[in-house]
């Protein structure tokens, strides 16, 4: 299971899988995807390092150790909105209110 979670994160880092695709896997009940922490998913996304991930989690009131499978519907929607920014930053405002990249 651990290696499957690592593979999912590696595919997000390489761009083969979008964070939204990972959220679909979570909704479909994929156990490996459900076991990834939100912090680890965020840090796998290009342009979102540990500092930014911590700030985003604080802004969304999501504990750093919360697993994707343990998110409420509201938290999932908020996370998807943040992840959309990182998929195509030119179309969205920075979720932390910083200057656009």
C-alpha atoms as a PDB file:
ATOM      1  CA  UNK A   1       0.000   0.000   0.000  1.00  0.00           C
ATOM      2  CA  UNK A   2       2.829   2.411   0.852  1.00  0.00           C
ATOM      3  CA  UNK A   3       4.477   1.904  -2.532  1.00  0.00           C
ATOM      4  CA  UNK A   4       1.140   2.478  -4.289  1.00  0.00           C
ATOM      5  CA  UNK A   5       0.716   5.803  -2.476  1.00  0.00           C
ATOM      6  CA  UNK A   6       4.273   6.742  -3.444  1.00  0.00           C
ATOM      7  CA  UNK A   7       3.568   5.863  -7.053  1.00  0.00           C
ATOM      8  CA  UNK A   8       0.467   8.072  -7.098  1.00  0.00           C
ATOM      9  CA  UNK A   9       2.472  10.993  -5.667  1.00  0.00           C
ATOM     10  CA  UNK A  10       5.256  10.384  -8.211  1.00  0.00           C
ATOM     11  CA  UNK A  11       2.720  10.461 -11.038  1.00  0.00           C
ATOM     12  CA  UNK A  12       1.358  13.773  -9.717  1.00  0.00           C
ATOM     13  CA  UNK A  13       4.914  15.183  -9.528  1.00  0.00           C
ATOM     14  CA  UNK A  14       5.638  14.083 -13.109  1.00  0.00           C
ATOM     15  CA  UNK A  15       2.350  15.478 -14.411  1.00  0.00           C
ATOM     16  CA  UNK A  16       0.947  12.104 -15.515  1.00  0.00           C
ATOM     17  CA  UNK A  17      -1.846  12.470 -12.967  1.00  0.00           C
ATOM     18  CA  UNK A  18      -3.544  15.685 -11.903  1.00  0.00           C
ATOM     19  CA  UNK A  19      -4.536  16.290  -8.291  1.00  0.00           C
ATOM     20  CA  UNK A  20      -8.155  16.314  -9.473  1.00  0.00           C
ATOM     21  CA  UNK A  21      -7.595  12.805 -10.848  1.00  0.00           C
ATOM     22  CA  UNK A  22      -6.383  11.750  -7.403  1.00  0.00           C
ATOM     23  CA  UNK A  23      -9.545  13.171  -5.838  1.00  0.00           C
ATOM     24  CA  UNK A  24     -11.613  11.142  -8.328  1.00  0.00           C
ATOM     25  CA  UNK A  25      -9.697   8.041  -7.235  1.00  0.00           C
ATOM     26  CA  UNK A  26     -10.560   8.893  -3.626  1.00  0.00           C
ATOM     27  CA  UNK A  27     -14.250   9.254  -4.496  1.00  0.00           C
ATOM     28  CA  UNK A  28     -14.116   5.904  -6.325  1.00  0.00           C
ATOM     29  CA  UNK A  29     -12.785   4.270  -3.169  1.00  0.00           C
ATOM     30  CA  UNK A  30      -9.166   3.617  -4.171  1.00  0.00           C
ATOM     31  CA  UNK A  31      -7.529   2.608  -0.877  1.00  0.00           C
ATOM     32  CA  UNK A  32      -4.068   3.870  -1.819  1.00  0.00           C
ATOM     33  CA  UNK A  33      -5.402   7.308  -2.813  1.00  0.00           C
ATOM     34  CA  UNK A  34      -7.597   7.498   0.301  1.00  0.00           C
ATOM     35  CA  UNK A  35      -4.502   6.890   2.464  1.00  0.00           C
ATOM     36  CA  UNK A  36      -2.441   9.809   1.123  1.00  0.00           C
ATOM     37  CA  UNK A  37      -2.259  12.747   3.501  1.00  0.00           C
ATOM     38  CA  UNK A  38      -3.408  16.098   2.162  1.00  0.00           C
ATOM     39  CA  UNK A  39       0.018  17.567   2.986  1.00  0.00           C
ATOM     40  CA  UNK A  40       1.798  14.932   0.891  1.00  0.00           C
ATOM     41  CA  UNK A  41      -0.539  15.489  -2.069  1.00  0.00           C
ATOM     42  CA  UNK A  42       0.000  19.242  -1.911  1.00  0.00           C
ATOM     43  CA  UNK A  43       3.788  18.927  -1.748  1.00  0.00           C
ATOM     44  CA  UNK A  44       3.707  16.589  -4.767  1.00  0.00           C
ATOM     45  CA  UNK A  45       2.136  19.372  -6.837  1.00  0.00           C
ATOM     46  CA  UNK A  46       4.570  21.553  -8.811  1.00  0.00           C
ATOM     47  CA  UNK A  47       4.848  24.992  -7.198  1.00  0.00           C
ATOM     48  CA  UNK A  48       3.592  23.946  -3.785  1.00  0.00           C
ATOM     49  CA  UNK A  49       6.340  23.189  -1.288  1.00  0.00           C
ATOM     50  CA  UNK A  50       6.107  22.462   2.438  1.00  0.00           C
ATOM     51  CA  UNK A  51       5.705  26.109   3.496  1.00  0.00           C
ATOM     52  CA  UNK A  52       2.938  26.830   1.025  1.00  0.00           C
ATOM     53  CA  UNK A  53       1.228  23.505   1.782  1.00  0.00           C
ATOM     54  CA  UNK A  54       1.253  24.295   5.511  1.00  0.00           C
ATOM     55  CA  UNK A  55      -0.199  27.752   4.859  1.00  0.00           C
ATOM     56  CA  UNK A  56      -2.910  26.331   2.586  1.00  0.00           C
ATOM     57  CA  UNK A  57      -3.876  23.706   5.141  1.00  0.00           C
ATOM     58  CA  UNK A  58      -4.092  26.371   7.834  1.00  0.00           C
ATOM     59  CA  UNK A  59      -6.237  28.571   5.582  1.00  0.00           C
ATOM     60  CA  UNK A  60      -8.561  25.635   4.865  1.00  0.00           C
ATOM     61  CA  UNK A  61      -8.583  24.503   8.516  1.00  0.00           C
ATOM     62  CA  UNK A  62      -7.447  21.010   7.527  1.00  0.00           C
ATOM     63  CA  UNK A  63      -5.041  19.197   9.878  1.00  0.00           C
ATOM     64  CA  UNK A  64      -1.692  18.384   8.221  1.00  0.00           C
ATOM     65  CA  UNK A  65      -2.046  14.682   8.957  1.00  0.00           C
ATOM     66  CA  UNK A  66      -5.599  14.363   7.551  1.00  0.00           C
ATOM     67  CA  UNK A  67      -5.866  11.700   4.885  1.00  0.00           C
ATOM     68  CA  UNK A  68      -7.700  12.377   1.624  1.00  0.00           C
ATOM     69  CA  UNK A  69     -10.253   9.706   2.499  1.00  0.00           C
ATOM     70  CA  UNK A  70     -11.061  11.496   5.761  1.00  0.00           C
ATOM     71  CA  UNK A  71     -12.015  14.856   4.261  1.00  0.00           C
ATOM     72  CA  UNK A  72     -15.561  16.145   4.566  1.00  0.00           C
ATOM     73  CA  UNK A  73     -17.470  17.137   1.429  1.00  0.00           C
ATOM     74  CA  UNK A  74     -16.822  20.822   2.134  1.00  0.00           C
ATOM     75  CA  UNK A  75     -13.106  20.242   2.722  1.00  0.00           C
ATOM     76  CA  UNK A  76     -12.879  18.189  -0.489  1.00  0.00           C
ATOM     77  CA  UNK A  77     -14.512  20.959  -2.521  1.00  0.00           C
ATOM     78  CA  UNK A  78     -12.219  23.577  -0.992  1.00  0.00           C
ATOM     79  CA  UNK A  79      -9.153  21.434  -1.655  1.00  0.00           C
ATOM     80  CA  UNK A  80     -10.190  20.823  -5.269  1.00  0.00           C
ATOM     81  CA  UNK A  81     -10.593  24.598  -5.761  1.00  0.00           C
ATOM     82  CA  UNK A  82      -7.056  25.151  -4.432  1.00  0.00           C
ATOM     83  CA  UNK A  83      -5.642  22.332  -6.559  1.00  0.00           C
ATOM     84  CA  UNK A  84      -7.225  23.802  -9.697  1.00  0.00           C
ATOM     85  CA  UNK A  85      -5.078  26.872  -9.190  1.00  0.00           C
ATOM     86  CA  UNK A  86      -1.933  24.774  -9.327  1.00  0.00           C
ATOM     87  CA  UNK A  87      -3.099  22.946 -12.455  1.00  0.00           C
ATOM     88  CA  UNK A  88      -3.476  26.208 -14.402  1.00  0.00           C
ATOM     89  CA  UNK A  89      -2.399  29.219 -12.303  1.00  0.00           C
ATOM     90  CA  UNK A  90      -3.033  31.798 -15.012  1.00  0.00           C
ATOM     91  CA  UNK A  91      -6.798  31.194 -14.849  1.00  0.00           C
ATOM     92  CA  UNK A  92      -7.193  31.517 -11.074  1.00  0.00           C
ATOM     93  CA  UNK A  93      -6.143  33.834  -8.283  1.00  0.00           C
ATOM     94  CA  UNK A  94      -3.571  32.562  -5.806  1.00  0.00           C
ATOM     95  CA  UNK A  95      -5.517  30.889  -2.972  1.00  0.00           C
ATOM     96  CA  UNK A  96      -3.282  32.569  -0.391  1.00  0.00           C
ATOM     97  CA  UNK A  97      -3.778  36.013  -1.920  1.00  0.00           C
ATOM     98  CA  UNK A  98      -0.149  36.363  -2.953  1.00  0.00           C
ATOM     99  CA  UNK A  99       0.866  37.904  -6.235  1.00  0.00           C
ATOM    100  CA  UNK A 100       0.002  35.808  -9.294  1.00  0.00           C
ATOM    101  CA  UNK A 101       2.885  33.785 -10.663  1.00  0.00           C
END
